Amino acid sequence: MASKNQRLLLAGLSFVTALCWRCGGNEAATSDSTGEVVTEKDRLALFGALPATAKAPADNPTTPEKVALGRLLFYDPILSGQRDVACATCHHPEFGYAESQEISIGVNGHGFGSKRVFGESNDVPFTKRNAHTILNAAFNGITADGTYDPANAPMFWDLRSEGLEAQALEPLKAFEEMRGHPYPTEAALDSAVARLRAIPDYRQRFLAAFGSEPLTAAQIGKALAAFQRTLVAPNARFDQYLRGDAAALSELEKEGLESFVNSGCAECHRGPLFSDFKLHALGVADNEKLAQSDGGKDNRYAFRTPTLRNLRHTAPYFHSGKLATLQQVLEFYEDLSGNQIANPHVTPAMLDPLVTKKLRLEFRDIQAILAFLDALNDDTFDKKIPERVPSGLAVGGNIQ
């Protein structure tokens, strides 16, 4: 990693480079980290604008009744075993439907955002990983040509679920997230169903959304998924640029796009969501709040590539939440391209080959890439919070 003086010098050179680029000194075709010539058309073909709306699987068509029901369930702590935490507790619109904590406090917590703490008497651990944003999760699996299958969409840091319907039910079964002490894992969903059936308003809403079938756990997942498919942010300035508005990006942001591709970032961060949805070992530092090191799936320390959209709202970053700013994230990758590994449990042989062979991020690229990442933000997403929920419990869980 560069020394402080080297960083200052490189920052100055980067500023001069940016000025030259804006004066017309930049070529349309440049070389990426492997030496291959890349044109602007090639770069843009790696991504693609987000669709305006998300597709639903055939067995769960989106309807207004399902969406309205899913919104209430999302904010209602009645789904949690101790009735103190809701989906929105750790996926709140104020934080881009993610969380401001490194790793979340679910059951037996109180407070909001960075002020959230465990109760005085506590034996519940932190959640294992940083809360993924739900914003745009309806598009998970999407490729540059806009193809994706909502029924098989990859979910979670370790890809353990497919589709929003299945993903939505997993936190209800997790001890530290929403289940708590009252029920064993195998009884968590049945107990949530029983609590909902005991509330007349919910019985009526499920009937309106799903017809004459009895209220079931599968319907809970479908309602939550229907709501989450409305949580999209498809009109970032980069989307506008891809749709033909040449003025949507500044010259520095265009330079950042070029640096983003040429340095190897787009090897994993591609497609409309800037993710290949695959597992990669990067040697990210563990979170010290955990009792043991998090080895990810199969103990290979590989985790799913996250989206780069709306990063302005979703700090901190990576599965362990250990990097607080995007500057730190890019400096992490600069170190990684120089063979500096942050996690002592990860050896050079364990690192993803895309990192060791194709990542060439230099400090002089950082400011331009940061500018480009800002063009991936869209602040116009749905932030509506219900004034009340049918259970009568605190909206959003114990966050006051």
Foldseek 3Di string as FASTA:
>chain_A
DDDPVVLVVLQVVLVVVLVCLVVPNDDQWDAALVRDIAGPVNLLLQAAFADPFFADAPVQHFDPLLQVLLQLQQFFLLLFQVRFFGQCQQQAVQLQGHAQDLFAFAPQWFAHGPPIDHDPDDDAATDQWGGAHLAVQSQAPAGQVGDDHQQAHQDDFQSPDGHQLVVVCVQQLDCRHGHPDPDHSVCRQVSSLVSQVVFVVSQVSLCVNPNDDRRGSSSNSSSNRSNSSQRYFRDFLVSVVSVPDVPSADSLLVLLSVLCRRQLVQVAQTYNQGGNQDWFAQQDAAAPSDPDGDLGPPNLNTTGDGGLAAPVRNADDDTSRPRGDVLVVLVSLCVQCVVDHPHPVDDPVSGDVSSPPRHHRDSSSRVSNVSNSNSRYGSPGDNDFDPAHSVRRDGRGNHD
